């Protein structure tokens, strides 16, 4: 299967992400809104990717079914949530003289899960990060997101920190990373086609 991937600019990409996240029951109360996405990505290097698939209506129209959004993570962040993330990672990630990419949010609509759209997007994101001089990709998830953790395991992300929640271990935070090197491209398995930027 050849995956069709489309890069998006901030505003149309944010709109698509918000629309797709409406399908995610597991993100209730934490879904990202257009304004939040745009505010986070303004004035920093970022990447919005969506995987496209034929519409279930049976026509030739392609619809976005999966997304990944990521951005540069700096050693000195002014955004409180990013400053907290850097603080959590500073003993596990070297920021000095290195570019760190934060794979912020992503997911796949329920009907298209299990078809490796998310893997294709992750591999495309890794190739982009390598071309743009990044040294490492970091991800944060929760212990309870077992499918996400399994995907990251298959993609060879390493756990670098476990932030235990003393009240509910399912809510514990898991921090993972992957070094970006040219040889990692040989591990990629998906066949992808990039289409025009929107």
Protein backbone atom coordinates (compact mmCIF):
# COMPACT_ATOMS: atom_id res chain seq x y z
CA UNK A 1 0.00 0.00 0.00
CA UNK A 2 1.29 3.44 -0.91
CA UNK A 3 0.41 6.09 1.69
CA UNK A 4 -0.52 9.53 0.44
CA UNK A 5 0.82 12.20 2.76
CA UNK A 6 0.11 15.90 2.57
CA UNK A 7 1.97 18.66 4.45
CA UNK A 8 -0.22 21.52 5.65
CA UNK A 9 0.35 25.15 6.54
CA UNK A 10 -0.64 26.23 10.06
CA UNK A 11 -4.25 27.40 9.72
CA UNK A 12 -5.67 24.75 7.35
CA UNK A 13 -3.66 22.09 9.17
CA UNK A 14 -5.00 23.19 12.55
CA UNK A 15 -8.56 23.06 11.19
CA UNK A 16 -8.07 19.50 9.90
CA UNK A 17 -6.51 18.35 13.19
CA UNK A 18 -9.39 19.77 15.21
CA UNK A 19 -11.86 18.03 12.89
CA UNK A 20 -10.11 14.64 13.14
CA UNK A 21 -9.77 14.85 16.93
CA UNK A 22 -13.56 15.12 17.20
CA UNK A 23 -13.55 11.39 16.34
CA UNK A 24 -11.36 10.52 19.34
CA UNK A 25 -13.40 9.48 22.38
CA UNK A 26 -10.21 8.81 24.36
CA UNK A 27 -9.20 12.49 24.11
CA UNK A 28 -12.38 13.84 25.70
CA UNK A 29 -11.68 17.09 27.49
CA UNK A 30 -8.17 17.35 25.99
CA UNK A 31 -8.85 17.88 22.31
CA UNK A 32 -6.77 20.59 20.67
CA UNK A 33 -8.52 23.63 19.25
CA UNK A 34 -7.41 25.61 16.20
CA UNK A 35 -6.34 28.65 18.24
CA UNK A 36 -4.19 26.53 20.57
CA UNK A 37 -2.46 24.75 17.68
CA UNK A 38 -1.78 27.98 15.82
CA UNK A 39 -0.47 29.75 18.93
CA UNK A 40 1.90 26.87 19.68
CA UNK A 41 3.34 26.67 16.15
CA UNK A 42 3.67 30.37 15.33
CA UNK A 43 7.26 31.60 15.12
CA UNK A 44 8.88 28.19 15.45
CA UNK A 45 9.94 25.50 12.98
CA UNK A 46 7.13 22.95 12.74
CA UNK A 47 5.58 20.23 10.60
CA UNK A 48 1.92 19.29 10.09
CA UNK A 49 1.38 16.06 8.16
CA UNK A 50 -1.87 14.31 7.26
CA UNK A 51 -2.34 10.89 5.71
CA UNK A 52 -5.03 10.79 3.06
CA UNK A 53 -7.26 7.86 2.06
CA UNK A 54 -10.19 7.33 -0.32
CA UNK A 55 -13.50 8.56 1.03
CA UNK A 56 -15.73 5.81 2.46
CA UNK A 57 -18.45 7.15 0.14
CA UNK A 58 -16.73 5.30 -2.71
CA UNK A 59 -15.89 8.35 -4.81
CA UNK A 60 -12.39 9.39 -5.88
CA UNK A 61 -12.18 12.05 -3.19
CA UNK A 62 -9.34 11.75 -0.64
CA UNK A 63 -10.05 12.53 3.02
CA UNK A 64 -7.60 13.09 5.91
CA UNK A 65 -7.58 10.04 8.18
CA UNK A 66 -4.46 10.46 10.33
CA UNK A 67 -2.26 13.33 11.47
CA UNK A 68 1.01 14.18 13.18
CA UNK A 69 2.04 17.63 14.39
CA UNK A 70 5.47 18.42 15.75
CA UNK A 71 7.80 21.34 16.31
CA UNK A 72 11.20 22.45 17.48
CA UNK A 73 11.73 22.22 21.24
CA UNK A 74 14.14 24.84 22.57
CA UNK A 75 16.20 24.74 25.73
CA UNK A 76 14.63 28.02 26.85
CA UNK A 77 10.88 28.06 26.34
CA UNK A 78 8.49 30.82 27.42
CA UNK A 79 5.31 28.77 26.96
CA UNK A 80 4.64 27.30 30.45
CA UNK A 81 3.75 23.79 29.23
CA UNK A 82 6.84 23.62 27.01
CA UNK A 83 9.06 25.04 29.76
CA UNK A 84 7.76 22.29 32.05
CA UNK A 85 8.50 19.68 29.36
CA UNK A 86 12.08 20.95 28.95
CA UNK A 87 12.48 20.83 32.73
CA UNK A 88 11.31 17.19 32.75
CA UNK A 89 13.70 16.28 29.93
CA UNK A 90 16.84 18.27 30.73
CA UNK A 91 18.48 15.41 32.65
CA UNK A 92 17.71 12.95 29.85
CA UNK A 93 18.16 15.01 26.65
CA UNK A 94 21.13 17.17 25.65
CA UNK A 95 19.90 20.48 24.27
CA UNK A 96 23.24 22.29 23.89
CA UNK A 97 24.30 22.54 20.24
CA UNK A 98 21.55 20.12 19.19
CA UNK A 99 18.16 20.51 17.51
CA UNK A 100 15.37 18.64 19.31
CA UNK A 101 12.05 17.90 17.60
CA UNK A 102 8.96 17.39 19.74
CA UNK A 103 6.37 15.09 18.18
CA UNK A 104 3.49 16.87 19.89
CA UNK A 105 0.14 15.42 18.83
CA UNK A 106 -1.18 12.80 16.43
CA UNK A 107 -3.76 10.14 15.88
CA UNK A 108 -5.85 8.15 13.42
CA UNK A 109 -9.58 8.12 12.88
CA UNK A 110 -11.15 4.93 14.22
CA UNK A 111 -12.21 3.49 10.84
CA UNK A 112 -8.63 3.64 9.52
CA UNK A 113 -6.76 2.36 12.58
CA UNK A 114 -4.58 -0.71 12.14
CA UNK A 115 -3.71 0.26 8.54
CA UNK A 116 -0.31 1.81 9.41
CA UNK A 117 -1.20 5.40 8.51
CA UNK A 118 0.39 6.61 11.76
CA UNK A 119 3.58 4.67 11.06
CA UNK A 120 3.80 6.22 7.58
CA UNK A 121 3.42 9.70 9.07
CA UNK A 122 6.05 8.97 11.72
CA UNK A 123 8.52 7.78 9.10
CA UNK A 124 7.85 10.87 6.97
CA UNK A 125 8.34 13.06 10.05
CA UNK A 126 11.67 11.37 10.77
CA UNK A 127 12.88 11.97 7.21
CA UNK A 128 11.89 15.64 7.45
CA UNK A 129 13.65 15.96 10.82
CA UNK A 130 16.84 14.47 9.39
CA UNK A 131 16.77 16.83 6.36
CA UNK A 132 16.24 19.80 8.66
CA UNK A 133 19.18 19.08 10.95
CA UNK A 134 17.44 17.61 14.00
CA UNK A 135 19.38 15.26 16.26
CA UNK A 136 16.57 13.69 18.29
CA UNK A 137 12.79 13.32 18.37
CA UNK A 138 10.98 13.26 21.72
CA UNK A 139 7.45 12.14 22.49
CA UNK A 140 5.30 12.30 25.62
CA UNK A 141 2.32 10.03 26.18
CA UNK A 142 0.38 8.49 29.07
CA UNK A 143 0.78 5.01 30.46
CA UNK A 144 -2.86 4.22 29.65
CA UNK A 145 -2.43 4.77 25.90
CA UNK A 146 -1.33 1.19 25.27
CA UNK A 147 -1.82 1.25 21.49
CA UNK A 148 0.28 4.41 21.19
CA UNK A 149 3.02 2.91 23.38
CA UNK A 150 3.01 -0.26 21.24
CA UNK A 151 3.35 1.79 18.06
CA UNK A 152 6.26 3.76 19.50
CA UNK A 153 7.88 0.49 20.57
CA UNK A 154 7.63 -0.87 17.01
CA UNK A 155 9.14 2.39 15.76
CA UNK A 156 12.11 1.90 18.15
CA UNK A 157 11.49 4.84 20.45
CA UNK A 158 13.23 4.39 23.80
CA UNK A 159 11.70 5.25 27.16
CA UNK A 160 13.88 7.92 28.76
CA UNK A 161 11.69 8.84 31.73
CA UNK A 162 8.62 7.56 33.56
CA UNK A 163 6.71 10.15 35.55
CA UNK A 164 4.63 8.11 37.97
CA UNK A 165 1.24 9.40 39.04
CA UNK A 166 0.90 8.25 42.68
CA UNK A 167 -2.91 8.28 42.54
CA UNK A 168 -3.43 6.43 39.25
CA UNK A 169 -0.61 4.67 37.41
CA UNK A 170 -2.66 4.72 34.19
CA UNK A 171 -2.23 8.52 34.25
CA UNK A 172 1.56 8.28 34.62
CA UNK A 173 3.55 10.09 31.92
CA UNK A 174 5.94 8.23 29.63
CA UNK A 175 8.70 10.17 27.85
CA UNK A 176 10.39 8.57 24.84
CA UNK A 177 13.04 9.58 22.33
CA UNK A 178 14.73 8.47 19.14
CA UNK A 179 18.05 9.62 17.74
CA UNK A 180 17.83 10.91 14.18
CA UNK A 181 20.56 9.42 12.03
CA UNK A 182 20.82 8.66 8.32
CA UNK A 183 20.85 4.90 8.95
CA UNK A 184 17.41 4.98 10.56
CA UNK A 185 15.89 5.56 7.11
CA UNK A 186 16.88 2.00 6.19
CA UNK A 187 14.49 0.77 8.90
CA UNK A 188 11.52 2.50 7.28
CA UNK A 189 8.93 0.15 5.85
CA UNK A 190 6.16 2.24 4.35
CA UNK A 191 5.92 3.36 0.74
CA UNK A 192 4.86 6.99 0.73
CA UNK A 193 3.96 9.68 -1.75
CA UNK A 194 3.97 13.35 -0.78
CA UNK A 195 1.34 15.48 -2.50
CA UNK A 196 1.07 19.25 -2.86
CA UNK A 197 1.21 21.54 0.14
CA UNK A 198 -2.09 23.06 1.23
